[in-house]
Structure formats: C-alpha cells, structure tokens
Amino acid sequence: MPSAERHRPGADGQLSGKQGQILWVEVPISDPQANVSGTFLKRKIPFFHLNDGTFAGLVGLDMEDPEGSQELSVHISTQAGTEHRSYAILVIKENYTVQKLTLPKEKVDLDAKTLKRVKAEQKEMAGAFHHTNTDPLWNGPFLEPVNGKITGVFGSRRIINGQPRRPHSGEDIAAPKGTPVLAINSGTVSLAVDHFFSGKGVVLDHGLGVFSMYFHLSEINVRNGQPVQKGEAIGKVGASGRATGPHLHWGVRVNGSRVNPFALTTLPLKG
C-alpha cells in the first residue's frame, strides 16, 4: 500500500516518491501571513499554514509522471519581498499489474450517439476538478469509503475484450449492493451525476486541490454544492455504468494528479 510520508527538504532539497504516491511537503517560513504556492510539472501546488514557522503542500505524483528528477518550484511572497526555492523530486517508477476484462460489446465499441454522450460527460467531469476550495476542508485523517475486497488495483494496465485501454485510475472495492459509501473526509459535493461509463457517481472537493470520486453507485444521497461531513453516507454500492458486478470505484486526484487513493489515508493528519 502506498504511503504519504512527511517530507521536509534537507540542505540538498532532495525528495523522492513512486508514481501514484502523495508527498506531504513542509517548507520552513517564518512569516505566518506569507503567500506560498508551488509548481510541479506545470501543475499548481497550493501551500497552507501548518503551524508557526511551517507551511505544507501536497504534491501528487501522477501514475504516469516521467521518471527521474523533477523540479518543485516554490514561490514565497511576504511584506518583506518575494523568494523562490527549488527542490528536486525523484520520481520512481511503480510496477503496475495487467488486468484482463470481458465486457458486453456495446459497452466497449460505442456507436456515434453513445460516443457523443461520453465526450460530453468527460467534459463535465473535467470541469468538476476546477471548482477547488482554497482552504483545506478536511478534518483529521482520511477514511476508507467502504470495507470489501480489492478487485481492481490502481494503475493496472487494462485489456478489455482484447483491446488495450487506459490504466485504471482508482481502486475497485467489491461489496454487496446497497452497502453505504462514506465520505472519506469533510468537503463539498463538486458533482453528482449518472454517466455512461462510471454510472451514478459523486465527486467531493476537500480543498487545496484534493478531490475524491465514488463511481458505480446504486443510489446517490447528496446533491451538487452540498457540504458533507467525514463519514457521512453519500451513496450506496451498486453496479451502474460499465461494471461487471457490485463494487465501488474509488478515485483520488491531488492537484490534477491521479494518485492511489490509499495514499490519502496515510497523510500525517491529526484527528
């Protein structure tokens, strides 16, 4: 299971992590009123005041980020002026599995009408990640949304009906239909929809670019814009959309990076 370790760059500024991991980066800054932001592989990384003398940011290493040393650029603005710091992050390759699936032909080879619908839904989903809160909305450690058997592993290279497809960007957790699905932390409902591939789904905005996704639900219990509390039932396990049986597809994005959702549960957050 991936980790999300606490990192405080040393004198050499060196950090490292595997694809799909989350780096919790702490930067020492004496002014608590400072405005701190970062950039990593053209993705914006917001920082927030953690305590006196420290700001923290979450750097998600996307499942397909290029291997090798990459720069995390941090910009600091205070009344005294501006400062730039540069840290090197070594992205380490993760070895992903291969998963072969057989699905109904109409769920794989789409007709023109369905393809048009899917493209519109992809655009709608992309928009859900743009409405980000600028402050952390979470409260203490992140939870797992449901208990069950892992049937689809994050990052697995999927072959559906003999055709290579995009890698799996979440974890599939099998559970009986109707099992409550819990919000992994406090946040706001960014999107509640019923899509062709992902079925009935919910996207939660936890602030600072952290989003969680819950797909293939049989029932949705929340609406767009609604605030939710950690552990609140937001829906129920189902098999809607393109699914072979009842399960929850659980995904997480951190500032645009597709990361292993279990990495979120190991963030060094106090309850």
C-alpha atoms as a PDB file:
ATOM      1  CA  MET A   1       0.000   0.000   0.000  1.00  0.00           C
ATOM      2  CA  PRO A   2       1.441   3.410  -0.900  1.00  0.00           C
ATOM      3  CA  SER A   3       2.410   5.916   1.731  1.00  0.00           C
ATOM      4  CA  ALA A   4       2.119   9.667   2.049  1.00  0.00           C
ATOM      5  CA  GLU A   5       5.098  10.461   4.207  1.00  0.00           C
ATOM      6  CA  ARG A   6       6.027  13.753   5.839  1.00  0.00           C
ATOM      7  CA  HIS A   7       8.893  15.370   3.942  1.00  0.00           C
ATOM      8  CA  ARG A   8      10.948  18.352   4.980  1.00  0.00           C
ATOM      9  CA  PRO A   9      13.592  19.077   2.337  1.00  0.00           C
ATOM     10  CA  GLY A  10      17.139  18.963   3.623  1.00  0.00           C
ATOM     11  CA  ALA A  11      20.042  21.102   2.584  1.00  0.00           C
ATOM     12  CA  ASP A  12      20.133  19.401  -0.808  1.00  0.00           C
ATOM     13  CA  GLY A  13      16.367  19.849  -1.275  1.00  0.00           C
ATOM     14  CA  GLN A  14      16.038  16.198  -2.333  1.00  0.00           C
ATOM     15  CA  LEU A  15      12.660  14.412  -2.152  1.00  0.00           C
ATOM     16  CA  SER A  16      11.535  11.135  -3.692  1.00  0.00           C
ATOM     17  CA  GLY A  17       8.425   9.027  -4.228  1.00  0.00           C
ATOM     18  CA  LYS A  18       6.876   6.426  -6.514  1.00  0.00           C
ATOM     19  CA  GLN A  19       4.310   7.146  -9.216  1.00  0.00           C
ATOM     20  CA  GLY A  20       0.868   7.325  -7.574  1.00  0.00           C
ATOM     21  CA  GLN A  21       2.232   8.441  -4.212  1.00  0.00           C
ATOM     22  CA  ILE A  22       1.489  11.691  -2.351  1.00  0.00           C
ATOM     23  CA  LEU A  23       4.311  13.751  -0.874  1.00  0.00           C
ATOM     24  CA  TRP A  24       3.421  15.894   2.144  1.00  0.00           C
ATOM     25  CA  VAL A  25       5.995  18.658   1.793  1.00  0.00           C
ATOM     26  CA  GLU A  26       6.793  21.011   4.664  1.00  0.00           C
ATOM     27  CA  VAL A  27       8.647  24.260   3.973  1.00  0.00           C
ATOM     28  CA  PRO A  28      10.017  26.387   6.845  1.00  0.00           C
ATOM     29  CA  ILE A  29       8.793  30.011   6.549  1.00  0.00           C
ATOM     30  CA  SER A  30       8.909  32.421   9.480  1.00  0.00           C
ATOM     31  CA  ASP A  31       6.033  34.705   8.381  1.00  0.00           C
ATOM     32  CA  PRO A  32       2.627  33.041   9.044  1.00  0.00           C
ATOM     33  CA  GLN A  33       0.967  35.593   6.731  1.00  0.00           C
ATOM     34  CA  ALA A  34       3.109  34.590   3.753  1.00  0.00           C
ATOM     35  CA  ASN A  35       1.516  33.640   0.439  1.00  0.00           C
ATOM     36  CA  VAL A  36       3.092  30.350  -0.634  1.00  0.00           C
ATOM     37  CA  SER A  37       2.497  28.441  -3.869  1.00  0.00           C
ATOM     38  CA  GLY A  38       4.370  25.855  -5.869  1.00  0.00           C
ATOM     39  CA  THR A  39       4.620  24.362  -9.339  1.00  0.00           C
ATOM     40  CA  PHE A  40       5.449  20.759 -10.193  1.00  0.00           C
ATOM     41  CA  LEU A  41       5.426  19.501 -13.786  1.00  0.00           C
ATOM     42  CA  LYS A  42       3.256  22.516 -14.746  1.00  0.00           C
ATOM     43  CA  ARG A  43       0.715  21.649 -12.016  1.00  0.00           C
ATOM     44  CA  LYS A  44      -0.038  24.280  -9.362  1.00  0.00           C
ATOM     45  CA  ILE A  45       0.630  23.209  -5.779  1.00  0.00           C
ATOM     46  CA  PRO A  46      -1.059  25.357  -3.086  1.00  0.00           C
ATOM     47  CA  PHE A  47       0.550  25.536   0.359  1.00  0.00           C
ATOM     48  CA  PHE A  48      -1.218  26.274   3.647  1.00  0.00           C
ATOM     49  CA  HIS A  49      -0.044  27.461   7.052  1.00  0.00           C
ATOM     50  CA  LEU A  50       0.528  24.403   9.241  1.00  0.00           C
ATOM     51  CA  ASN A  51       1.967  25.965  12.389  1.00  0.00           C
ATOM     52  CA  ASP A  52       4.440  28.654  13.411  1.00  0.00           C
ATOM     53  CA  GLY A  53       7.333  28.508  11.015  1.00  0.00           C
ATOM     54  CA  THR A  54       5.945  25.854   8.660  1.00  0.00           C
ATOM     55  CA  PHE A  55       3.810  25.685   5.521  1.00  0.00           C
ATOM     56  CA  ALA A  56       2.666  22.390   3.980  1.00  0.00           C
ATOM     57  CA  GLY A  57       1.661  21.330   0.488  1.00  0.00           C
ATOM     58  CA  LEU A  58       0.515  18.089  -1.134  1.00  0.00           C
ATOM     59  CA  VAL A  59       2.477  17.014  -4.195  1.00  0.00           C
ATOM     60  CA  GLY A  60       0.713  14.223  -6.038  1.00  0.00           C
ATOM     61  CA  LEU A  61       2.926  12.078  -8.238  1.00  0.00           C
ATOM     62  CA  ASP A  62       0.711  11.109 -11.145  1.00  0.00           C
ATOM     63  CA  MET A  63       0.557   7.450 -12.132  1.00  0.00           C
ATOM     64  CA  GLU A  64       2.274   8.346 -15.420  1.00  0.00           C
ATOM     65  CA  ASP A  65       4.640  11.140 -14.343  1.00  0.00           C
ATOM     66  CA  PRO A  66       8.045  10.828 -16.043  1.00  0.00           C
ATOM     67  CA  GLU A  67      10.700   9.021 -14.067  1.00  0.00           C
ATOM     68  CA  GLY A  68      13.773  10.825 -12.826  1.00  0.00           C
ATOM     69  CA  SER A  69      14.483  14.110 -11.092  1.00  0.00           C
ATOM     70  CA  GLN A  70      11.778  16.784 -11.486  1.00  0.00           C
ATOM     71  CA  GLU A  71      11.667  20.300 -10.024  1.00  0.00           C
ATOM     72  CA  LEU A  72       9.249  21.514  -7.356  1.00  0.00           C
ATOM     73  CA  SER A  73       9.385  25.304  -7.589  1.00  0.00           C
ATOM     74  CA  VAL A  74       8.096  27.184  -4.513  1.00  0.00           C
ATOM     75  CA  HIS A  75       7.257  30.904  -4.619  1.00  0.00           C
ATOM     76  CA  ILE A  76       7.034  32.797  -1.317  1.00  0.00           C
ATOM     77  CA  SER A  77       5.573  36.292  -1.048  1.00  0.00           C
ATOM     78  CA  THR A  78       5.734  38.349   2.172  1.00  0.00           C
ATOM     79  CA  GLN A  79       5.671  42.022   3.135  1.00  0.00           C
ATOM     80  CA  ALA A  80       9.445  41.886   3.081  1.00  0.00           C
ATOM     81  CA  GLY A  81       9.503  40.773  -0.559  1.00  0.00           C
ATOM     82  CA  THR A  82       9.482  37.591  -2.619  1.00  0.00           C
ATOM     83  CA  GLU A  83      11.604  34.465  -2.532  1.00  0.00           C
ATOM     84  CA  HIS A  84      11.981  31.444  -4.779  1.00  0.00           C
ATOM     85  CA  ARG A  85      13.071  27.998  -3.612  1.00  0.00           C
ATOM     86  CA  SER A  86      13.732  24.977  -5.782  1.00  0.00           C
ATOM     87  CA  TYR A  87      13.546  21.354  -4.651  1.00  0.00           C
ATOM     88  CA  ALA A  88      14.317  18.214  -6.630  1.00  0.00           C
ATOM     89  CA  ILE A  89      11.807  15.366  -6.527  1.00  0.00           C
ATOM     90  CA  LEU A  90      12.970  11.977  -7.726  1.00  0.00           C
ATOM     91  CA  VAL A  91      10.008  10.207  -9.357  1.00  0.00           C
ATOM     92  CA  ILE A  92      10.416   6.437  -9.072  1.00  0.00           C
ATOM     93  CA  LYS A  93       8.697   4.023 -11.450  1.00  0.00           C
ATOM     94  CA  GLU A  94       5.890   1.917  -9.983  1.00  0.00           C
ATOM     95  CA  ASN A  95       5.401  -1.583 -11.380  1.00  0.00           C
ATOM     96  CA  TYR A  96       1.736  -1.910 -12.321  1.00  0.00           C
ATOM     97  CA  THR A  97      -0.138  -5.149 -12.956  1.00  0.00           C
ATOM     98  CA  VAL A  98      -2.088  -6.137 -16.078  1.00  0.00           C
ATOM     99  CA  GLN A  99      -5.809  -6.860 -15.764  1.00  0.00           C
ATOM    100  CA  LYS A 100      -7.873  -8.564 -18.471  1.00  0.00           C
ATOM    101  CA  LEU A 101     -11.647  -7.999 -18.557  1.00  0.00           C
ATOM    102  CA  THR A 102     -14.508  -9.204 -20.752  1.00  0.00           C
ATOM    103  CA  LEU A 103     -17.476  -6.858 -21.111  1.00  0.00           C
ATOM    104  CA  PRO A 104     -20.573  -6.658 -23.351  1.00  0.00           C
ATOM    105  CA  LYS A 105     -19.643  -5.433 -26.831  1.00  0.00           C
ATOM    106  CA  GLU A 106     -21.982  -2.413 -26.611  1.00  0.00           C
ATOM    107  CA  LYS A 107     -20.092  -1.220 -23.522  1.00  0.00           C
ATOM    108  CA  VAL A 108     -16.771  -1.238 -25.377  1.00  0.00           C
ATOM    109  CA  ASP A 109     -17.429  -0.498 -29.058  1.00  0.00           C
ATOM    110  CA  LEU A 110     -19.569   2.625 -28.881  1.00  0.00           C
ATOM    111  CA  ASP A 111     -21.978   3.860 -31.541  1.00  0.00           C
ATOM    112  CA  ALA A 112     -21.938   7.505 -32.646  1.00  0.00           C
ATOM    113  CA  LYS A 113     -24.742   8.582 -30.304  1.00  0.00           C
ATOM    114  CA  THR A 114     -23.148   6.981 -27.256  1.00  0.00           C
ATOM    115  CA  LEU A 115     -19.715   8.329 -28.169  1.00  0.00           C
ATOM    116  CA  LYS A 116     -21.158  11.853 -28.299  1.00  0.00           C
ATOM    117  CA  ARG A 117     -22.658  11.345 -24.845  1.00  0.00           C
ATOM    118  CA  VAL A 118     -19.384  10.027 -23.433  1.00  0.00           C
ATOM    119  CA  LYS A 119     -17.410  13.009 -24.738  1.00  0.00           C
ATOM    120  CA  ALA A 120     -19.896  15.435 -23.154  1.00  0.00           C
ATOM    121  CA  GLU A 121     -19.658  13.551 -19.873  1.00  0.00           C
ATOM    122  CA  GLN A 122     -15.866  13.615 -19.963  1.00  0.00           C
ATOM    123  CA  LYS A 123     -16.008  17.385 -20.334  1.00  0.00           C
ATOM    124  CA  GLU A 124     -18.448  17.642 -17.426  1.00  0.00           C
ATOM    125  CA  MET A 125     -16.196  15.503 -15.245  1.00  0.00           C
ATOM    126  CA  ALA A 126     -13.110  17.571 -16.098  1.00  0.00           C
ATOM    127  CA  GLY A 127     -14.978  20.692 -15.020  1.00  0.00           C
ATOM    128  CA  ALA A 128     -15.653  19.181 -11.590  1.00  0.00           C
ATOM    129  CA  PHE A 129     -11.970  19.471 -10.716  1.00  0.00           C
ATOM    130  CA  HIS A 130     -11.785  23.209 -11.492  1.00  0.00           C
ATOM    131  CA  HIS A 131     -14.033  24.327  -8.634  1.00  0.00           C
ATOM    132  CA  THR A 132     -11.483  23.966  -5.888  1.00  0.00           C
ATOM    133  CA  ASN A 133     -11.674  25.466  -2.411  1.00  0.00           C
ATOM    134  CA  THR A 134      -8.576  27.461  -1.465  1.00  0.00           C
ATOM    135  CA  ASP A 135      -8.524  26.197   2.144  1.00  0.00           C
ATOM    136  CA  PRO A 136      -8.354  22.627   3.477  1.00  0.00           C
ATOM    137  CA  LEU A 137     -11.863  21.370   4.262  1.00  0.00           C
ATOM    138  CA  TRP A 138     -10.757  18.032   5.680  1.00  0.00           C
ATOM    139  CA  ASN A 139     -10.916  17.206   9.377  1.00  0.00           C
ATOM    140  CA  GLY A 140      -8.230  14.830  10.607  1.00  0.00           C
ATOM    141  CA  PRO A 141      -7.155  11.597   8.857  1.00  0.00           C
ATOM    142  CA  PHE A 142      -8.890  10.379   5.692  1.00  0.00           C
ATOM    143  CA  LEU A 143     -11.024   7.219   5.854  1.00  0.00           C
ATOM    144  CA  GLU A 144     -11.650   4.297   3.533  1.00  0.00           C
ATOM    145  CA  PRO A 145     -15.139   4.699   1.993  1.00  0.00           C
ATOM    146  CA  VAL A 146     -16.241   1.071   2.273  1.00  0.00           C
ATOM    147  CA  ASN A 147     -14.918  -2.266   3.508  1.00  0.00           C
ATOM    148  CA  GLY A 148     -14.518  -5.006   0.932  1.00  0.00           C
ATOM    149  CA  LYS A 149     -12.236  -6.984  -1.333  1.00  0.00           C
ATOM    150  CA  ILE A 150      -9.982  -5.141  -3.768  1.00  0.00           C
ATOM    151  CA  THR A 151     -10.914  -6.358  -7.250  1.00  0.00           C
ATOM    152  CA  GLY A 152      -9.339  -3.641  -9.404  1.00  0.00           C
ATOM    153  CA  VAL A 153      -5.916  -2.290  -8.485  1.00  0.00           C
ATOM    154  CA  PHE A 154      -4.788   1.298  -9.037  1.00  0.00           C
ATOM    155  CA  GLY A 155      -2.543   1.703 -12.069  1.00  0.00           C
ATOM    156  CA  SER A 156      -3.297  -1.692 -13.586  1.00  0.00           C
ATOM    157  CA  ARG A 157      -2.975  -1.781 -17.361  1.00  0.00           C
ATOM    158  CA  ARG A 158      -6.380  -2.859 -18.559  1.00  0.00           C
ATOM    159  CA  ILE A 159      -7.124  -5.043 -21.563  1.00  0.00           C
ATOM    160  CA  ILE A 160     -10.853  -5.085 -22.272  1.00  0.00           C
ATOM    161  CA  ASN A 161     -12.165  -7.604 -24.802  1.00  0.00           C
ATOM    162  CA  GLY A 162      -8.593  -7.973 -26.038  1.00  0.00           C
ATOM    163  CA  GLN A 163      -8.113  -4.216 -26.554  1.00  0.00           C
ATOM    164  CA  PRO A 164      -5.587  -2.174 -24.509  1.00  0.00           C
ATOM    165  CA  ARG A 165      -7.297   0.637 -22.591  1.00  0.00           C
ATOM    166  CA  ARG A 166      -6.307   3.460 -20.286  1.00  0.00           C
ATOM    167  CA  PRO A 167      -4.720   2.414 -16.974  1.00  0.00           C
ATOM    168  CA  HIS A 168      -7.050   2.058 -14.022  1.00  0.00           C
ATOM    169  CA  SER A 169      -7.004   5.357 -12.108  1.00  0.00           C
ATOM    170  CA  GLY A 170      -8.617   4.149  -8.876  1.00  0.00           C
ATOM    171  CA  GLU A 171      -9.246   1.172  -6.612  1.00  0.00           C
ATOM    172  CA  ASP A 172     -12.236  -1.122  -7.118  1.00  0.00           C
ATOM    173  CA  ILE A 173     -13.681  -2.414  -3.838  1.00  0.00           C
ATOM    174  CA  ALA A 174     -16.263  -5.196  -4.080  1.00  0.00           C
ATOM    175  CA  ALA A 175     -19.123  -5.026  -1.573  1.00  0.00           C
ATOM    176  CA  PRO A 176     -22.793  -6.083  -1.502  1.00  0.00           C
ATOM    177  CA  LYS A 177     -25.211  -3.878  -3.414  1.00  0.00           C
ATOM    178  CA  GLY A 178     -26.705  -1.263  -1.107  1.00  0.00           C
ATOM    179  CA  THR A 179     -23.697  -1.050   1.223  1.00  0.00           C
ATOM    180  CA  PRO A 180     -23.337   2.570   2.407  1.00  0.00           C
ATOM    181  CA  VAL A 181     -20.464   4.516   0.831  1.00  0.00           C
ATOM    182  CA  LEU A 182     -18.924   7.030   3.230  1.00  0.00           C
ATOM    183  CA  ALA A 183     -17.284  10.373   2.524  1.00  0.00           C
ATOM    184  CA  ILE A 184     -13.600   9.844   3.237  1.00  0.00           C
ATOM    185  CA  ASN A 185     -13.398  13.318   4.766  1.00  0.00           C
ATOM    186  CA  SER A 186     -15.298  16.591   5.005  1.00  0.00           C
ATOM    187  CA  GLY A 187     -15.804  18.604   1.842  1.00  0.00           C
ATOM    188  CA  THR A 188     -18.273  19.883  -0.730  1.00  0.00           C
ATOM    189  CA  VAL A 189     -20.057  17.946  -3.474  1.00  0.00           C
ATOM    190  CA  SER A 190     -18.471  19.124  -6.707  1.00  0.00           C
ATOM    191  CA  LEU A 191     -20.526  16.797  -8.913  1.00  0.00           C
ATOM    192  CA  ALA A 192     -23.322  14.228  -8.532  1.00  0.00           C
ATOM    193  CA  VAL A 193     -24.192  12.581 -11.870  1.00  0.00           C
ATOM    194  CA  ASP A 194     -25.130   9.445 -13.786  1.00  0.00           C
ATOM    195  CA  HIS A 195     -22.626   8.776 -16.589  1.00  0.00           C
ATOM    196  CA  PHE A 196     -22.319   6.037 -19.209  1.00  0.00           C
ATOM    197  CA  PHE A 197     -19.024   4.541 -18.045  1.00  0.00           C
ATOM    198  CA  SER A 198     -18.884   5.440 -14.333  1.00  0.00           C
ATOM    199  CA  GLY A 199     -22.624   5.172 -13.692  1.00  0.00           C
ATOM    200  CA  LYS A 200     -24.045   7.031 -10.721  1.00  0.00           C
ATOM    201  CA  GLY A 201     -21.158   8.925  -9.181  1.00  0.00           C
ATOM    202  CA  VAL A 202     -20.107  11.621  -6.736  1.00  0.00           C
ATOM    203  CA  VAL A 203     -17.042  13.886  -6.716  1.00  0.00           C
ATOM    204  CA  LEU A 204     -16.099  15.589  -3.445  1.00  0.00           C
ATOM    205  CA  ASP A 205     -13.884  18.670  -3.153  1.00  0.00           C
ATOM    206  CA  HIS A 206     -11.819  18.518   0.047  1.00  0.00           C
ATOM    207  CA  GLY A 207      -9.997  21.785  -0.610  1.00  0.00           C
ATOM    208  CA  LEU A 208      -6.485  22.643  -1.814  1.00  0.00           C
ATOM    209  CA  GLY A 209      -6.899  20.593  -4.981  1.00  0.00           C
ATOM    210  CA  VAL A 210      -7.807  17.316  -3.228  1.00  0.00           C
ATOM    211  CA  PHE A 211     -10.800  15.514  -4.799  1.00  0.00           C
ATOM    212  CA  SER A 212     -12.281  12.079  -4.145  1.00  0.00           C
ATOM    213  CA  MET A 213     -14.505  10.117  -6.548  1.00  0.00           C
ATOM    214  CA  TYR A 214     -17.107   7.404  -5.921  1.00  0.00           C
ATOM    215  CA  PHE A 215     -18.484   5.602  -9.000  1.00  0.00           C
ATOM    216  CA  HIS A 216     -20.898   2.787  -9.989  1.00  0.00           C
ATOM    217  CA  LEU A 217     -23.277   3.650  -7.140  1.00  0.00           C
ATOM    218  CA  SER A 218     -26.792   2.228  -6.973  1.00  0.00           C
ATOM    219  CA  GLU A 219     -28.019   5.346  -5.198  1.00  0.00           C
ATOM    220  CA  ILE A 220     -26.794   8.931  -4.637  1.00  0.00           C
ATOM    221  CA  ASN A 221     -27.726  10.626  -1.373  1.00  0.00           C
ATOM    222  CA  VAL A 222     -26.206  14.083  -1.976  1.00  0.00           C
ATOM    223  CA  ARG A 223     -26.581  16.940  -4.455  1.00  0.00           C
ATOM    224  CA  ASN A 224     -24.260  19.401  -6.194  1.00  0.00           C
ATOM    225  CA  GLY A 225     -22.844  22.061  -3.873  1.00  0.00           C
ATOM    226  CA  GLN A 226     -23.873  20.267  -0.686  1.00  0.00           C
ATOM    227  CA  PRO A 227     -21.392  20.282   2.226  1.00  0.00           C
ATOM    228  CA  VAL A 228     -20.681  16.813   3.656  1.00  0.00           C
ATOM    229  CA  GLN A 229     -19.022  15.620   6.835  1.00  0.00           C
ATOM    230  CA  LYS A 230     -16.397  12.905   7.184  1.00  0.00           C
ATOM    231  CA  GLY A 231     -18.073   9.513   7.468  1.00  0.00           C
ATOM    232  CA  GLU A 232     -21.400  10.720   6.066  1.00  0.00           C
ATOM    233  CA  ALA A 233     -23.169   8.250   3.750  1.00  0.00           C
ATOM    234  CA  ILE A 234     -23.123   9.858   0.302  1.00  0.00           C
ATOM    235  CA  GLY A 235     -24.481   6.875  -1.634  1.00  0.00           C
ATOM    236  CA  LYS A 236     -24.691   3.099  -1.854  1.00  0.00           C
ATOM    237  CA  VAL A 237     -22.606   0.447  -3.612  1.00  0.00           C
ATOM    238  CA  GLY A 238     -24.009  -0.648  -6.964  1.00  0.00           C
ATOM    239  CA  ALA A 239     -23.153  -1.758 -10.486  1.00  0.00           C
ATOM    240  CA  SER A 240     -24.339   1.194 -12.554  1.00  0.00           C
ATOM    241  CA  GLY A 241     -22.476   2.245 -15.683  1.00  0.00           C
ATOM    242  CA  ARG A 242     -19.860  -0.102 -17.130  1.00  0.00           C
ATOM    243  CA  ALA A 243     -19.484  -2.589 -14.288  1.00  0.00           C
ATOM    244  CA  THR A 244     -19.303  -6.374 -14.063  1.00  0.00           C
ATOM    245  CA  GLY A 245     -20.824  -6.531 -10.570  1.00  0.00           C
ATOM    246  CA  PRO A 246     -21.478  -4.528  -7.386  1.00  0.00           C
ATOM    247  CA  HIS A 247     -18.414  -2.569  -6.349  1.00  0.00           C
ATOM    248  CA  LEU A 248     -17.163   0.908  -5.620  1.00  0.00           C
ATOM    249  CA  HIS A 249     -14.654   2.588  -7.890  1.00  0.00           C
ATOM    250  CA  TRP A 250     -12.780   4.920  -5.533  1.00  0.00           C
ATOM    251  CA  GLY A 251     -10.507   7.520  -7.083  1.00  0.00           C
ATOM    252  CA  VAL A 252      -8.489  10.475  -5.833  1.00  0.00           C
ATOM    253  CA  ARG A 253      -6.898  13.445  -7.558  1.00  0.00           C
ATOM    254  CA  VAL A 254      -4.418  15.762  -5.896  1.00  0.00           C
ATOM    255  CA  ASN A 255      -3.823  18.993  -7.798  1.00  0.00           C
ATOM    256  CA  GLY A 256      -4.522  17.267 -11.100  1.00  0.00           C
ATOM    257  CA  SER A 257      -2.509  14.123 -10.356  1.00  0.00           C
ATOM    258  CA  ARG A 258      -4.106  10.686 -10.452  1.00  0.00           C
ATOM    259  CA  VAL A 259      -2.867   9.063  -7.253  1.00  0.00           C
ATOM    260  CA  ASN A 260      -3.539   5.852  -5.362  1.00  0.00           C
ATOM    261  CA  PRO A 261      -6.472   6.692  -3.046  1.00  0.00           C
ATOM    262  CA  PHE A 262      -4.980   4.648  -0.213  1.00  0.00           C
ATOM    263  CA  ALA A 263      -2.073   7.120  -0.134  1.00  0.00           C
ATOM    264  CA  LEU A 264      -4.535   9.728   1.139  1.00  0.00           C
ATOM    265  CA  THR A 265      -5.339   7.631   4.210  1.00  0.00           C
ATOM    266  CA  THR A 266      -1.693   7.753   5.370  1.00  0.00           C
ATOM    267  CA  LEU A 267      -1.308  11.544   5.343  1.00  0.00           C
ATOM    268  CA  PRO A 268       0.179  12.774   8.651  1.00  0.00           C
ATOM    269  CA  LEU A 269      -3.022  14.485   9.816  1.00  0.00           C
ATOM    270  CA  LYS A 270      -4.080  14.765  13.435  1.00  0.00           C
ATOM    271  CA  GLY A 271      -7.651  13.995  14.455  1.00  0.00           C
END
